[in-house]
PDB file of all heavy atoms in Angstrom:
ATOM      1  N   ASP A   1       0.674  -3.135  -6.136  1.00  0.00           N
ATOM      2  CA  ASP A   1       1.789  -4.035  -6.172  1.00  0.00           C
ATOM      3  C   ASP A   1       2.372  -4.077  -7.679  1.00  0.00           C
ATOM      4  O   ASP A   1       3.463  -4.209  -7.917  1.00  0.00           O
ATOM      5  CB  ASP A   1       1.507  -5.438  -5.768  1.00  0.00           C
ATOM      6  CG  ASP A   1       1.273  -5.533  -4.234  1.00  0.00           C
ATOM      7  OD1 ASP A   1       1.774  -4.615  -3.587  1.00  0.00           O
ATOM      8  OD2 ASP A   1       0.694  -6.458  -3.817  1.00  0.00           O
ATOM      9  N   GLU A   2       1.410  -3.942  -8.651  1.00  0.00           N
ATOM     10  CA  GLU A   2       1.771  -4.141 -10.017  1.00  0.00           C
ATOM     11  C   GLU A   2       2.089  -2.726 -10.660  1.00  0.00           C
ATOM     12  O   GLU A   2       2.748  -2.672 -11.678  1.00  0.00           O
ATOM     13  CB  GLU A   2       0.610  -4.767 -10.815  1.00  0.00           C
ATOM     14  CG  GLU A   2       0.338  -6.234 -10.409  1.00  0.00           C
ATOM     15  CD  GLU A   2      -0.890  -6.842 -11.072  1.00  0.00           C
ATOM     16  OE1 GLU A   2      -1.583  -6.039 -11.790  1.00  0.00           O
ATOM     17  OE2 GLU A   2      -1.162  -8.020 -10.799  1.00  0.00           O
ATOM     18  N   GLN A   3       1.601  -1.710 -10.026  1.00  0.00           N
ATOM     19  CA  GLN A   3       1.759  -0.345 -10.606  1.00  0.00           C
ATOM     20  C   GLN A   3       2.320   0.628  -9.568  1.00  0.00           C
ATOM     21  O   GLN A   3       1.667   1.694  -9.205  1.00  0.00           O
ATOM     22  CB  GLN A   3       0.367   0.202 -11.137  1.00  0.00           C
ATOM     23  CG  GLN A   3      -0.249  -0.641 -12.152  1.00  0.00           C
ATOM     24  CD  GLN A   3       0.564  -0.800 -13.475  1.00  0.00           C
ATOM     25  OE1 GLN A   3       1.171   0.129 -13.858  1.00  0.00           O
ATOM     26  NE2 GLN A   3       0.588  -2.014 -14.017  1.00  0.00           N
ATOM     27  N   PRO A   4       3.487   0.358  -8.965  1.00  0.00           N
ATOM     28  CA  PRO A   4       4.001   1.233  -8.008  1.00  0.00           C
ATOM     29  C   PRO A   4       4.298   2.679  -8.436  1.00  0.00           C
ATOM     30  O   PRO A   4       4.198   3.652  -7.666  1.00  0.00           O
ATOM     31  CB  PRO A   4       5.310   0.593  -7.529  1.00  0.00           C
ATOM     32  CG  PRO A   4       5.690  -0.308  -8.693  1.00  0.00           C
ATOM     33  CD  PRO A   4       4.354  -0.726  -9.387  1.00  0.00           C
ATOM     34  N   GLU A   5       4.521   2.867  -9.765  1.00  0.00           N
ATOM     35  CA  GLU A   5       4.762   4.231 -10.300  1.00  0.00           C
ATOM     36  C   GLU A   5       3.502   5.101 -10.171  1.00  0.00           C
ATOM     37  O   GLU A   5       3.579   6.252  -9.815  1.00  0.00           O
ATOM     38  CB  GLU A   5       5.194   4.216 -11.771  1.00  0.00           C
ATOM     39  CG  GLU A   5       6.326   3.295 -12.091  1.00  0.00           C
ATOM     40  CD  GLU A   5       5.776   1.808 -12.411  1.00  0.00           C
ATOM     41  OE1 GLU A   5       4.569   1.616 -12.492  1.00  0.00           O
ATOM     42  OE2 GLU A   5       6.630   0.912 -12.434  1.00  0.00           O
ATOM     43  N   LEU A   6       2.397   4.477 -10.552  1.00  0.00           N
ATOM     44  CA  LEU A   6       1.085   5.222 -10.444  1.00  0.00           C
ATOM     45  C   LEU A   6       0.707   5.478  -8.974  1.00  0.00           C
ATOM     46  O   LEU A   6       0.286   6.628  -8.696  1.00  0.00           O
ATOM     47  CB  LEU A   6       0.003   4.483 -11.122  1.00  0.00           C
ATOM     48  CG  LEU A   6      -0.012   4.383 -12.673  1.00  0.00           C
ATOM     49  CD1 LEU A   6      -1.088   3.542 -13.161  1.00  0.00           C
ATOM     50  CD2 LEU A   6      -0.005   5.787 -13.264  1.00  0.00           C
ATOM     51  N   ALA A   7       0.953   4.530  -8.073  1.00  0.00           N
ATOM     52  CA  ALA A   7       0.724   4.751  -6.689  1.00  0.00           C
ATOM     53  C   ALA A   7       1.573   5.981  -6.217  1.00  0.00           C
ATOM     54  O   ALA A   7       1.099   6.882  -5.460  1.00  0.00           O
ATOM     55  CB  ALA A   7       0.948   3.538  -5.955  1.00  0.00           C
ATOM     56  N   GLY A   8       2.816   5.948  -6.614  1.00  0.00           N
ATOM     57  CA  GLY A   8       3.719   7.010  -6.233  1.00  0.00           C
ATOM     58  C   GLY A   8       3.369   8.362  -6.768  1.00  0.00           C
ATOM     59  O   GLY A   8       3.374   9.384  -6.067  1.00  0.00           O
ATOM     60  N   GLN A   9       2.810   8.369  -7.955  1.00  0.00           N
ATOM     61  CA  GLN A   9       2.378   9.627  -8.640  1.00  0.00           C
ATOM     62  C   GLN A   9       1.284  10.202  -7.825  1.00  0.00           C
ATOM     63  O   GLN A   9       1.204  11.510  -7.851  1.00  0.00           O
ATOM     64  CB  GLN A   9       1.942   9.267 -10.034  1.00  0.00           C
ATOM     65  CG  GLN A   9       1.607  10.343 -10.969  1.00  0.00           C
ATOM     66  CD  GLN A   9       1.238   9.990 -12.349  1.00  0.00           C
ATOM     67  OE1 GLN A   9       1.828   8.986 -12.881  1.00  0.00           O
ATOM     68  NE2 GLN A   9       0.266  10.557 -12.959  1.00  0.00           N
ATOM     69  N   PHE A  10       0.465   9.498  -7.140  1.00  0.00           N
ATOM     70  CA  PHE A  10      -0.757   9.965  -6.412  1.00  0.00           C
ATOM     71  C   PHE A  10      -0.407  10.060  -4.884  1.00  0.00           C
ATOM     72  O   PHE A  10      -1.182  10.406  -4.097  1.00  0.00           O
ATOM     73  CB  PHE A  10      -1.923   9.142  -6.599  1.00  0.00           C
ATOM     74  CG  PHE A  10      -2.590   9.380  -7.928  1.00  0.00           C
ATOM     75  CD1 PHE A  10      -2.116   8.715  -9.126  1.00  0.00           C
ATOM     76  CD2 PHE A  10      -3.567  10.294  -8.100  1.00  0.00           C
ATOM     77  CE1 PHE A  10      -2.765   8.924 -10.316  1.00  0.00           C
ATOM     78  CE2 PHE A  10      -4.207  10.527  -9.284  1.00  0.00           C
ATOM     79  CZ  PHE A  10      -3.748   9.859 -10.342  1.00  0.00           C
ATOM     80  N   GLY A  11       0.839   9.778  -4.547  1.00  0.00           N
ATOM     81  CA  GLY A  11       1.289   9.859  -3.131  1.00  0.00           C
ATOM     82  C   GLY A  11       0.527   8.861  -2.151  1.00  0.00           C
ATOM     83  O   GLY A  11       0.356   9.096  -1.074  1.00  0.00           O
ATOM     84  N   VAL A  12       0.202   7.667  -2.770  1.00  0.00           N
ATOM     85  CA  VAL A  12      -0.530   6.728  -2.034  1.00  0.00           C
ATOM     86  C   VAL A  12       0.431   6.129  -1.005  1.00  0.00           C
ATOM     87  O   VAL A  12       1.426   5.501  -1.277  1.00  0.00           O
ATOM     88  CB  VAL A  12      -1.104   5.599  -2.954  1.00  0.00           C
ATOM     89  CG1 VAL A  12      -1.726   4.475  -2.193  1.00  0.00           C
ATOM     90  CG2 VAL A  12      -2.146   6.199  -3.883  1.00  0.00           C
ATOM     91  N   MET A  13       0.098   6.318   0.273  1.00  0.00           N
ATOM     92  CA  MET A  13       0.933   5.763   1.363  1.00  0.00           C
ATOM     93  C   MET A  13       0.217   4.609   2.082  1.00  0.00           C
ATOM     94  O   MET A  13       0.880   3.797   2.723  1.00  0.00           O
ATOM     95  CB  MET A  13       1.162   6.839   2.463  1.00  0.00           C
ATOM     96  CG  MET A  13       1.865   8.055   1.780  1.00  0.00           C
ATOM     97  SD  MET A  13       3.505   7.687   1.164  1.00  0.00           S
ATOM     98  CE  MET A  13       4.475   7.862   2.493  1.00  0.00           C
ATOM     99  N   SER A  14      -1.147   4.491   1.965  1.00  0.00           N
ATOM    100  CA  SER A  14      -1.828   3.400   2.598  1.00  0.00           C
ATOM    101  C   SER A  14      -3.042   3.048   1.640  1.00  0.00           C
ATOM    102  O   SER A  14      -3.505   3.880   0.794  1.00  0.00           O
ATOM    103  CB  SER A  14      -2.341   3.747   3.937  1.00  0.00           C
ATOM    104  OG  SER A  14      -3.278   4.782   3.875  1.00  0.00           O
ATOM    105  N   ILE A  15      -3.437   1.799   1.774  1.00  0.00           N
ATOM    106  CA  ILE A  15      -4.572   1.386   0.878  1.00  0.00           C
ATOM    107  C   ILE A  15      -5.650   0.773   1.759  1.00  0.00           C
ATOM    108  O   ILE A  15      -5.418   0.343   2.802  1.00  0.00           O
ATOM    109  CB  ILE A  15      -4.047   0.402  -0.165  1.00  0.00           C
ATOM    110  CG1 ILE A  15      -3.347  -0.838   0.482  1.00  0.00           C
ATOM    111  CG2 ILE A  15      -3.223   1.058  -1.218  1.00  0.00           C
ATOM    112  CD1 ILE A  15      -2.901  -1.961  -0.460  1.00  0.00           C
ATOM    113  N   PRO A  16      -6.912   0.798   1.232  1.00  0.00           N
ATOM    114  CA  PRO A  16      -7.300   1.382  -0.041  1.00  0.00           C
ATOM    115  C   PRO A  16      -7.258   2.948  -0.050  1.00  0.00           C
ATOM    116  O   PRO A  16      -7.491   3.525   1.029  1.00  0.00           O
ATOM    117  CB  PRO A  16      -8.735   0.909  -0.223  1.00  0.00           C
ATOM    118  CG  PRO A  16      -9.185   0.694   1.160  1.00  0.00           C
ATOM    119  CD  PRO A  16      -8.058   0.258   1.986  1.00  0.00           C
ATOM    120  N   THR A  17      -6.879   3.454  -1.174  1.00  0.00           N
ATOM    121  CA  THR A  17      -6.983   4.941  -1.359  1.00  0.00           C
ATOM    122  C   THR A  17      -7.935   5.122  -2.537  1.00  0.00           C
ATOM    123  O   THR A  17      -7.814   4.493  -3.558  1.00  0.00           O
ATOM    124  CB  THR A  17      -5.627   5.553  -1.653  1.00  0.00           C
ATOM    125  OG1 THR A  17      -4.846   5.520  -0.458  1.00  0.00           O
ATOM    126  CG2 THR A  17      -5.741   6.971  -2.089  1.00  0.00           C
ATOM    127  N   LEU A  18      -8.881   6.054  -2.324  1.00  0.00           N
ATOM    128  CA  LEU A  18      -9.897   6.411  -3.401  1.00  0.00           C
ATOM    129  C   LEU A  18      -9.609   7.826  -3.801  1.00  0.00           C
ATOM    130  O   LEU A  18      -9.455   8.756  -2.991  1.00  0.00           O
ATOM    131  CB  LEU A  18     -11.329   6.277  -2.847  1.00  0.00           C
ATOM    132  CG  LEU A  18     -11.736   4.847  -2.416  1.00  0.00           C
ATOM    133  CD1 LEU A  18     -13.021   4.913  -1.590  1.00  0.00           C
ATOM    134  CD2 LEU A  18     -11.801   3.965  -3.573  1.00  0.00           C
ATOM    135  N   VAL A  19      -9.569   7.981  -5.103  1.00  0.00           N
ATOM    136  CA  VAL A  19      -9.239   9.357  -5.697  1.00  0.00           C
ATOM    137  C   VAL A  19     -10.352   9.588  -6.745  1.00  0.00           C
ATOM    138  O   VAL A  19     -10.769   8.723  -7.513  1.00  0.00           O
ATOM    139  CB  VAL A  19      -7.922   9.277  -6.432  1.00  0.00           C
ATOM    140  CG1 VAL A  19      -7.652  10.593  -7.179  1.00  0.00           C
ATOM    141  CG2 VAL A  19      -6.782   8.964  -5.493  1.00  0.00           C
ATOM    142  N   VAL A  20     -10.888  10.818  -6.668  1.00  0.00           N
ATOM    143  CA  VAL A  20     -11.847  11.349  -7.671  1.00  0.00           C
ATOM    144  C   VAL A  20     -11.217  12.334  -8.508  1.00  0.00           C
ATOM    145  O   VAL A  20     -10.522  13.283  -7.923  1.00  0.00           O
ATOM    146  CB  VAL A  20     -13.112  11.924  -6.978  1.00  0.00           C
ATOM    147  CG1 VAL A  20     -14.060  12.498  -7.975  1.00  0.00           C
ATOM    148  CG2 VAL A  20     -13.871  10.842  -6.173  1.00  0.00           C
ATOM    149  N   MET A  21     -11.263  12.185  -9.778  1.00  0.00           N
ATOM    150  CA  MET A  21     -10.623  13.148 -10.728  1.00  0.00           C
ATOM    151  C   MET A  21     -11.594  13.679 -11.699  1.00  0.00           C
ATOM    152  O   MET A  21     -12.545  13.042 -11.991  1.00  0.00           O
ATOM    153  CB  MET A  21      -9.463  12.406 -11.472  1.00  0.00           C
ATOM    154  CG  MET A  21      -8.316  11.873 -10.583  1.00  0.00           C
ATOM    155  SD  MET A  21      -7.129  11.024 -11.542  1.00  0.00           S
ATOM    156  CE  MET A  21      -6.376  12.451 -12.377  1.00  0.00           C
ATOM    157  N   LYS A  22     -11.365  14.918 -12.146  1.00  0.00           N
ATOM    158  CA  LYS A  22     -12.117  15.453 -13.247  1.00  0.00           C
ATOM    159  C   LYS A  22     -11.213  16.309 -14.124  1.00  0.00           C
ATOM    160  O   LYS A  22     -10.333  17.040 -13.570  1.00  0.00           O
ATOM    161  CB  LYS A  22     -13.286  16.354 -12.637  1.00  0.00           C
ATOM    162  CG  LYS A  22     -14.204  16.853 -13.742  1.00  0.00           C
ATOM    163  CD  LYS A  22     -15.455  17.494 -13.116  1.00  0.00           C
ATOM    164  CE  LYS A  22     -16.373  17.899 -14.259  1.00  0.00           C
ATOM    165  NZ  LYS A  22     -17.585  18.509 -13.791  1.00  0.00           N
ATOM    166  N   ASN A  23     -11.349  16.059 -15.387  1.00  0.00           N
ATOM    167  CA  ASN A  23     -10.543  16.816 -16.335  1.00  0.00           C
ATOM    168  C   ASN A  23      -8.979  16.584 -16.029  1.00  0.00           C
ATOM    169  O   ASN A  23      -8.171  17.519 -16.122  1.00  0.00           O
ATOM    170  CB  ASN A  23     -10.866  18.358 -16.358  1.00  0.00           C
ATOM    171  CG  ASN A  23     -12.352  18.614 -16.774  1.00  0.00           C
ATOM    172  OD1 ASN A  23     -12.766  17.845 -17.657  1.00  0.00           O
ATOM    173  ND2 ASN A  23     -12.893  19.568 -16.205  1.00  0.00           N
ATOM    174  N   GLY A  24      -8.604  15.391 -15.602  1.00  0.00           N
ATOM    175  CA  GLY A  24      -7.211  15.081 -15.410  1.00  0.00           C
ATOM    176  C   GLY A  24      -6.641  15.608 -14.072  1.00  0.00           C
ATOM    177  O   GLY A  24      -5.473  15.534 -13.857  1.00  0.00           O
ATOM    178  N   LYS A  25      -7.515  16.200 -13.166  1.00  0.00           N
ATOM    179  CA  LYS A  25      -7.054  16.719 -11.961  1.00  0.00           C
ATOM    180  C   LYS A  25      -7.742  16.159 -10.859  1.00  0.00           C
ATOM    181  O   LYS A  25      -8.910  15.782 -10.798  1.00  0.00           O
ATOM    182  CB  LYS A  25      -7.282  18.221 -11.918  1.00  0.00           C
ATOM    183  CG  LYS A  25      -6.514  19.004 -12.946  1.00  0.00           C
ATOM    184  CD  LYS A  25      -6.735  20.555 -12.765  1.00  0.00           C
ATOM    185  CE  LYS A  25      -5.946  21.363 -13.701  1.00  0.00           C
ATOM    186  NZ  LYS A  25      -5.510  20.815 -15.012  1.00  0.00           N
ATOM    187  N   VAL A  26      -6.955  15.893  -9.633  1.00  0.00           N
ATOM    188  CA  VAL A  26      -7.502  15.298  -8.488  1.00  0.00           C
ATOM    189  C   VAL A  26      -8.495  16.305  -7.811  1.00  0.00           C
ATOM    190  O   VAL A  26      -8.093  17.472  -7.557  1.00  0.00           O
ATOM    191  CB  VAL A  26      -6.418  14.932  -7.485  1.00  0.00           C
ATOM    192  CG1 VAL A  26      -7.009  14.453  -6.180  1.00  0.00           C
ATOM    193  CG2 VAL A  26      -5.544  13.811  -8.072  1.00  0.00           C
ATOM    194  N   VAL A  27      -9.747  15.828  -7.656  1.00  0.00           N
ATOM    195  CA  VAL A  27     -10.782  16.622  -6.927  1.00  0.00           C
ATOM    196  C   VAL A  27     -10.741  16.340  -5.465  1.00  0.00           C
ATOM    197  O   VAL A  27     -10.828  17.208  -4.610  1.00  0.00           O
ATOM    198  CB  VAL A  27     -12.110  16.402  -7.584  1.00  0.00           C
ATOM    199  CG1 VAL A  27     -13.197  17.173  -6.765  1.00  0.00           C
ATOM    200  CG2 VAL A  27     -12.149  16.690  -8.995  1.00  0.00           C
ATOM    201  N   THR A  28     -10.641  15.057  -5.120  1.00  0.00           N
ATOM    202  CA  THR A  28     -10.684  14.615  -3.693  1.00  0.00           C
ATOM    203  C   THR A  28      -9.944  13.292  -3.578  1.00  0.00           C
ATOM    204  O   THR A  28      -9.922  12.510  -4.551  1.00  0.00           O
ATOM    205  CB  THR A  28     -12.063  14.653  -3.062  1.00  0.00           C
ATOM    206  OG1 THR A  28     -11.950  14.305  -1.702  1.00  0.00           O
ATOM    207  CG2 THR A  28     -12.919  13.583  -3.774  1.00  0.00           C
ATOM    208  N   GLN A  29      -9.347  13.063  -2.410  1.00  0.00           N
ATOM    209  CA  GLN A  29      -8.589  11.767  -2.233  1.00  0.00           C
ATOM    210  C   GLN A  29      -8.733  11.423  -0.735  1.00  0.00           C
ATOM    211  O   GLN A  29      -8.673  12.262   0.075  1.00  0.00           O
ATOM    212  CB  GLN A  29      -7.097  12.019  -2.645  1.00  0.00           C
ATOM    213  CG  GLN A  29      -6.245  10.747  -2.427  1.00  0.00           C
ATOM    214  CD  GLN A  29      -4.932  10.939  -3.083  1.00  0.00           C
ATOM    215  OE1 GLN A  29      -4.712  11.750  -4.017  1.00  0.00           O
ATOM    216  NE2 GLN A  29      -3.923  10.253  -2.568  1.00  0.00           N
ATOM    217  N   THR A  30      -8.969  10.101  -0.492  1.00  0.00           N
ATOM    218  CA  THR A  30      -9.116   9.629   0.898  1.00  0.00           C
ATOM    219  C   THR A  30      -8.589   8.226   1.021  1.00  0.00           C
ATOM    220  O   THR A  30      -8.507   7.478   0.015  1.00  0.00           O
ATOM    221  CB  THR A  30     -10.613   9.690   1.315  1.00  0.00           C
ATOM    222  OG1 THR A  30     -10.692   9.312   2.657  1.00  0.00           O
ATOM    223  CG2 THR A  30     -11.457   8.652   0.554  1.00  0.00           C
ATOM    224  N   SER A  31      -8.128   7.925   2.198  1.00  0.00           N
ATOM    225  CA  SER A  31      -7.516   6.562   2.474  1.00  0.00           C
ATOM    226  C   SER A  31      -8.386   5.828   3.481  1.00  0.00           C
ATOM    227  O   SER A  31      -9.035   6.505   4.326  1.00  0.00           O
ATOM    228  CB  SER A  31      -6.166   6.690   3.051  1.00  0.00           C
ATOM    229  OG  SER A  31      -5.225   7.211   2.057  1.00  0.00           O
ATOM    230  N   GLY A  32      -8.440   4.570   3.348  1.00  0.00           N
ATOM    231  CA  GLY A  32      -9.193   3.694   4.262  1.00  0.00           C
ATOM    232  C   GLY A  32     -10.521   3.266   3.644  1.00  0.00           C
ATOM    233  O   GLY A  32     -10.976   3.850   2.751  1.00  0.00           O
ATOM    234  N   ALA A  33     -10.967   2.117   4.120  1.00  0.00           N
ATOM    235  CA  ALA A  33     -12.313   1.587   3.641  1.00  0.00           C
ATOM    236  C   ALA A  33     -13.396   2.623   3.935  1.00  0.00           C
ATOM    237  O   ALA A  33     -13.412   3.171   5.071  1.00  0.00           O
ATOM    238  CB  ALA A  33     -12.583   0.267   4.288  1.00  0.00           C
ATOM    239  N   ARG A  34     -14.273   2.743   3.028  1.00  0.00           N
ATOM    240  CA  ARG A  34     -15.481   3.719   3.232  1.00  0.00           C
ATOM    241  C   ARG A  34     -16.688   2.897   2.803  1.00  0.00           C
ATOM    242  O   ARG A  34     -16.656   2.177   1.852  1.00  0.00           O
ATOM    243  CB  ARG A  34     -15.276   4.912   2.257  1.00  0.00           C
ATOM    244  CG  ARG A  34     -14.114   5.695   2.566  1.00  0.00           C
ATOM    245  CD  ARG A  34     -14.362   6.702   3.738  1.00  0.00           C
ATOM    246  NE  ARG A  34     -13.330   7.605   4.022  1.00  0.00           N
ATOM    247  CZ  ARG A  34     -12.302   7.438   4.744  1.00  0.00           C
ATOM    248  NH1 ARG A  34     -12.141   6.257   5.391  1.00  0.00           N
ATOM    249  NH2 ARG A  34     -11.404   8.291   5.028  1.00  0.00           N
ATOM    250  N   PRO A  35     -17.792   3.287   3.489  1.00  0.00           N
ATOM    251  CA  PRO A  35     -19.102   2.687   3.029  1.00  0.00           C
ATOM    252  C   PRO A  35     -19.523   3.379   1.646  1.00  0.00           C
ATOM    253  O   PRO A  35     -19.019   4.443   1.304  1.00  0.00           O
ATOM    254  CB  PRO A  35     -20.045   3.039   4.176  1.00  0.00           C
ATOM    255  CG  PRO A  35     -19.443   4.219   4.819  1.00  0.00           C
ATOM    256  CD  PRO A  35     -17.911   4.098   4.667  1.00  0.00           C
ATOM    257  N   LYS A  36     -20.455   2.721   1.017  1.00  0.00           N
ATOM    258  CA  LYS A  36     -20.947   3.228  -0.271  1.00  0.00           C
ATOM    259  C   LYS A  36     -21.385   4.612  -0.219  1.00  0.00           C
ATOM    260  O   LYS A  36     -21.028   5.432  -1.114  1.00  0.00           O
ATOM    261  CB  LYS A  36     -22.088   2.296  -0.827  1.00  0.00           C
ATOM    262  CG  LYS A  36     -22.529   2.648  -2.149  1.00  0.00           C
ATOM    263  CD  LYS A  36     -23.560   1.750  -2.722  1.00  0.00           C
ATOM    264  CE  LYS A  36     -23.974   2.143  -4.145  1.00  0.00           C
ATOM    265  NZ  LYS A  36     -25.077   1.247  -4.546  1.00  0.00           N
ATOM    266  N   ASN A  37     -22.207   4.973   0.774  1.00  0.00           N
ATOM    267  CA  ASN A  37     -22.675   6.387   0.784  1.00  0.00           C
ATOM    268  C   ASN A  37     -21.557   7.460   0.951  1.00  0.00           C
ATOM    269  O   ASN A  37     -21.594   8.536   0.370  1.00  0.00           O
ATOM    270  CB  ASN A  37     -23.725   6.583   1.894  1.00  0.00           C
ATOM    271  CG  ASN A  37     -23.169   6.374   3.287  1.00  0.00           C
ATOM    272  OD1 ASN A  37     -22.050   5.921   3.493  1.00  0.00           O
ATOM    273  ND2 ASN A  37     -23.911   6.888   4.298  1.00  0.00           N
ATOM    274  N   ALA A  38     -20.486   7.055   1.630  1.00  0.00           N
ATOM    275  CA  ALA A  38     -19.355   8.030   1.738  1.00  0.00           C
ATOM    276  C   ALA A  38     -18.663   8.084   0.373  1.00  0.00           C
ATOM    277  O   ALA A  38     -18.173   9.221   0.036  1.00  0.00           O
ATOM    278  CB  ALA A  38     -18.417   7.582   2.823  1.00  0.00           C
ATOM    279  N   ILE A  39     -18.526   7.046  -0.332  1.00  0.00           N
ATOM    280  CA  ILE A  39     -17.905   7.057  -1.720  1.00  0.00           C
ATOM    281  C   ILE A  39     -18.750   7.858  -2.633  1.00  0.00           C
ATOM    282  O   ILE A  39     -18.299   8.659  -3.416  1.00  0.00           O
ATOM    283  CB  ILE A  39     -17.600   5.676  -2.187  1.00  0.00           C
ATOM    284  CG1 ILE A  39     -16.642   4.906  -1.259  1.00  0.00           C
ATOM    285  CG2 ILE A  39     -17.048   5.657  -3.581  1.00  0.00           C
ATOM    286  CD1 ILE A  39     -16.444   3.457  -1.584  1.00  0.00           C
ATOM    287  N   LEU A  40     -20.041   7.614  -2.605  1.00  0.00           N
ATOM    288  CA  LEU A  40     -20.957   8.447  -3.469  1.00  0.00           C
ATOM    289  C   LEU A  40     -20.949   9.879  -3.080  1.00  0.00           C
ATOM    290  O   LEU A  40     -21.046  10.745  -4.018  1.00  0.00           O
ATOM    291  CB  LEU A  40     -22.389   7.887  -3.281  1.00  0.00           C
ATOM    292  CG  LEU A  40     -22.617   6.449  -3.933  1.00  0.00           C
ATOM    293  CD1 LEU A  40     -24.070   6.039  -3.563  1.00  0.00           C
ATOM    294  CD2 LEU A  40     -22.406   6.466  -5.465  1.00  0.00           C
ATOM    295  N   GLN A  41     -20.788  10.229  -1.835  1.00  0.00           N
ATOM    296  CA  GLN A  41     -20.593  11.584  -1.444  1.00  0.00           C
ATOM    297  C   GLN A  41     -19.345  12.285  -2.130  1.00  0.00           C
ATOM    298  O   GLN A  41     -19.421  13.493  -2.431  1.00  0.00           O
ATOM    299  CB  GLN A  41     -20.514  11.787   0.051  1.00  0.00           C
ATOM    300  CG  GLN A  41     -21.762  12.368   0.703  1.00  0.00           C
ATOM    301  CD  GLN A  41     -21.652  12.495   2.158  1.00  0.00           C
ATOM    302  OE1 GLN A  41     -20.793  11.872   2.834  1.00  0.00           O
ATOM    303  NE2 GLN A  41     -22.530  13.316   2.719  1.00  0.00           N
ATOM    304  N   MET A  42     -18.319  11.492  -2.206  1.00  0.00           N
ATOM    305  CA  MET A  42     -17.094  11.970  -2.942  1.00  0.00           C
ATOM    306  C   MET A  42     -17.396  12.445  -4.374  1.00  0.00           C
ATOM    307  O   MET A  42     -16.718  13.294  -4.855  1.00  0.00           O
ATOM    308  CB  MET A  42     -16.012  10.983  -2.911  1.00  0.00           C
ATOM    309  CG  MET A  42     -15.403  10.626  -1.553  1.00  0.00           C
ATOM    310  SD  MET A  42     -14.222   9.301  -1.627  1.00  0.00           S
ATOM    311  CE  MET A  42     -12.855   9.940  -2.695  1.00  0.00           C
TER     312      MET A  42
END
């Protein structure tokens, strides 16, 4: 709500969206609530 430009930059269409980045590049991205083990797997 406060950062719509950043959400748009990542193509966020639904929340929560989790993004993993390395060296400034998206490695993986997923939408929806996830349990801790699924987030750690990312």
